Amino acid sequence: MKPIDPNHGKALTLAEFDSDSWLASVILWETGELDLDAGRKVDGWLVAKHFDLKTPDELDGVLDELLSLLRDGAVPSQAFTSWI
């Protein structure tokens, strides 16, 4: 977890994850916008999803989606995928 940083006029905070299989990041802006990005190391498969959170409680759902992706390979609904 990194401290809050100014960015394009909107403060943000960032969390990065690194495992044997995945690299991932979650960027959360003060506006409630959130970007989830993950890449599988073995084959360069990328997954990205943008969220517009209305309440802090919605962050739990985002983290559940991230854990399901990293643990089970379950792609979050409405996520974009690509290959490097």
C-alpha atoms as a PDB file:
ATOM      1  CA  MET A   1       0.000   0.000   0.000  1.00  0.00           C
ATOM      2  CA  LYS A   2       1.359   3.394  -0.948  1.00  0.00           C
ATOM      3  CA  PRO A   3       0.390   6.716   0.629  1.00  0.00           C
ATOM      4  CA  ILE A   4      -2.163   9.042  -0.959  1.00  0.00           C
ATOM      5  CA  ASP A   5      -0.624  10.950  -3.875  1.00  0.00           C
ATOM      6  CA  PRO A   6      -1.935  13.834  -5.964  1.00  0.00           C
ATOM      7  CA  ASN A   7      -2.577  12.808  -9.584  1.00  0.00           C
ATOM      8  CA  HIS A   8      -4.283  14.910 -12.254  1.00  0.00           C
ATOM      9  CA  GLY A   9      -5.971  16.915  -9.517  1.00  0.00           C
ATOM     10  CA  LYS A  10      -7.411  13.818  -7.805  1.00  0.00           C
ATOM     11  CA  ALA A  11      -5.753  12.176  -4.819  1.00  0.00           C
ATOM     12  CA  LEU A  12      -5.194   8.440  -5.153  1.00  0.00           C
ATOM     13  CA  THR A  13      -3.844   5.473  -3.282  1.00  0.00           C
ATOM     14  CA  LEU A  14      -2.320   2.347  -4.802  1.00  0.00           C
ATOM     15  CA  ALA A  15      -1.897  -1.245  -3.675  1.00  0.00           C
ATOM     16  CA  GLU A  16       0.354  -3.654  -5.581  1.00  0.00           C
ATOM     17  CA  PHE A  17       0.375  -7.448  -5.362  1.00  0.00           C
ATOM     18  CA  ASP A  18       3.103  -9.839  -6.519  1.00  0.00           C
ATOM     19  CA  SER A  19       2.933 -13.629  -6.351  1.00  0.00           C
ATOM     20  CA  ASP A  20       4.689 -16.453  -8.146  1.00  0.00           C
ATOM     21  CA  SER A  21       1.946 -16.388 -10.804  1.00  0.00           C
ATOM     22  CA  TRP A  22       0.527 -12.847 -10.914  1.00  0.00           C
ATOM     23  CA  LEU A  23       1.315  -9.134 -10.736  1.00  0.00           C
ATOM     24  CA  ALA A  24      -1.644  -6.924  -9.864  1.00  0.00           C
ATOM     25  CA  SER A  25      -2.502  -3.412  -8.798  1.00  0.00           C
ATOM     26  CA  VAL A  26      -5.525  -1.582  -7.481  1.00  0.00           C
ATOM     27  CA  ILE A  27      -5.645   2.210  -7.850  1.00  0.00           C
ATOM     28  CA  LEU A  28      -8.359   4.072  -5.942  1.00  0.00           C
ATOM     29  CA  TRP A  29      -9.051   7.776  -6.484  1.00  0.00           C
ATOM     30  CA  GLU A  30     -10.792  10.062  -4.002  1.00  0.00           C
ATOM     31  CA  THR A  31     -13.678  10.284  -6.485  1.00  0.00           C
ATOM     32  CA  GLY A  32     -14.484   6.571  -6.013  1.00  0.00           C
ATOM     33  CA  GLU A  33     -12.993   5.548  -9.359  1.00  0.00           C
ATOM     34  CA  LEU A  34     -10.962   2.353  -9.097  1.00  0.00           C
ATOM     35  CA  ASP A  35      -8.818   0.495 -11.625  1.00  0.00           C
ATOM     36  CA  LEU A  36      -7.941  -3.170 -11.155  1.00  0.00           C
ATOM     37  CA  ASP A  37      -5.122  -4.448 -13.384  1.00  0.00           C
ATOM     38  CA  ALA A  38      -3.527  -7.901 -13.294  1.00  0.00           C
ATOM     39  CA  GLY A  39      -1.077  -9.818 -15.434  1.00  0.00           C
ATOM     40  CA  ARG A  40      -0.337 -13.534 -15.343  1.00  0.00           C
ATOM     41  CA  LYS A  41       3.436 -14.027 -15.444  1.00  0.00           C
ATOM     42  CA  VAL A  42       3.577 -17.358 -17.259  1.00  0.00           C
ATOM     43  CA  ASP A  43       1.859 -16.230 -20.471  1.00  0.00           C
ATOM     44  CA  GLY A  44       1.310 -12.461 -20.356  1.00  0.00           C
ATOM     45  CA  TRP A  45      -2.476 -12.649 -20.004  1.00  0.00           C
ATOM     46  CA  LEU A  46      -3.809  -9.253 -18.837  1.00  0.00           C
ATOM     47  CA  VAL A  47      -7.067  -8.468 -17.077  1.00  0.00           C
ATOM     48  CA  ALA A  48      -8.340  -4.920 -16.443  1.00  0.00           C
ATOM     49  CA  LYS A  49     -11.538  -3.528 -14.991  1.00  0.00           C
ATOM     50  CA  HIS A  50     -12.712  -0.035 -14.045  1.00  0.00           C
ATOM     51  CA  PHE A  51     -15.119   0.559 -11.169  1.00  0.00           C
ATOM     52  CA  ASP A  52     -17.073   3.617 -10.029  1.00  0.00           C
ATOM     53  CA  LEU A  53     -17.605   2.942  -6.343  1.00  0.00           C
ATOM     54  CA  LYS A  54     -20.512   4.675  -4.628  1.00  0.00           C
ATOM     55  CA  THR A  55     -19.752   3.570  -1.054  1.00  0.00           C
ATOM     56  CA  PRO A  56     -16.642   2.349   0.773  1.00  0.00           C
ATOM     57  CA  ASP A  57     -18.383  -1.002   1.337  1.00  0.00           C
ATOM     58  CA  GLU A  58     -18.172  -1.718  -2.408  1.00  0.00           C
ATOM     59  CA  LEU A  59     -14.396  -2.081  -2.049  1.00  0.00           C
ATOM     60  CA  ASP A  60     -14.973  -5.504  -0.454  1.00  0.00           C
ATOM     61  CA  GLY A  61     -16.566  -6.726  -3.695  1.00  0.00           C
ATOM     62  CA  VAL A  62     -13.609  -5.474  -5.725  1.00  0.00           C
ATOM     63  CA  LEU A  63     -11.176  -7.318  -3.474  1.00  0.00           C
ATOM     64  CA  ASP A  64     -13.316 -10.467  -3.743  1.00  0.00           C
ATOM     65  CA  GLU A  65     -13.107 -10.225  -7.551  1.00  0.00           C
ATOM     66  CA  LEU A  66      -9.335  -9.738  -7.376  1.00  0.00           C
ATOM     67  CA  LEU A  67      -8.878 -12.724  -5.063  1.00  0.00           C
ATOM     68  CA  SER A  68     -11.073 -14.916  -7.294  1.00  0.00           C
ATOM     69  CA  LEU A  69      -8.952 -13.918 -10.286  1.00  0.00           C
ATOM     70  CA  LEU A  70      -5.615 -14.548  -8.581  1.00  0.00           C
ATOM     71  CA  ARG A  71      -6.700 -17.754  -6.852  1.00  0.00           C
ATOM     72  CA  ASP A  72      -9.058 -19.346  -9.398  1.00  0.00           C
ATOM     73  CA  GLY A  73      -8.489 -17.494 -12.678  1.00  0.00           C
ATOM     74  CA  ALA A  74     -12.099 -16.226 -12.582  1.00  0.00           C
ATOM     75  CA  VAL A  75     -12.347 -13.146 -14.808  1.00  0.00           C
ATOM     76  CA  PRO A  76     -14.463 -10.369 -13.251  1.00  0.00           C
ATOM     77  CA  SER A  77     -17.644  -9.573 -15.175  1.00  0.00           C
ATOM     78  CA  GLN A  78     -17.210  -6.711 -17.658  1.00  0.00           C
ATOM     79  CA  ALA A  79     -13.408  -6.921 -17.433  1.00  0.00           C
ATOM     80  CA  PHE A  80     -11.198  -6.482 -20.477  1.00  0.00           C
ATOM     81  CA  THR A  81      -8.644  -9.155 -21.268  1.00  0.00           C
ATOM     82  CA  SER A  82      -5.693  -9.222 -23.649  1.00  0.00           C
ATOM     83  CA  TRP A  83      -2.336 -10.856 -24.217  1.00  0.00           C
ATOM     84  CA  ILE A  84       1.073  -9.227 -24.282  1.00  0.00           C
END
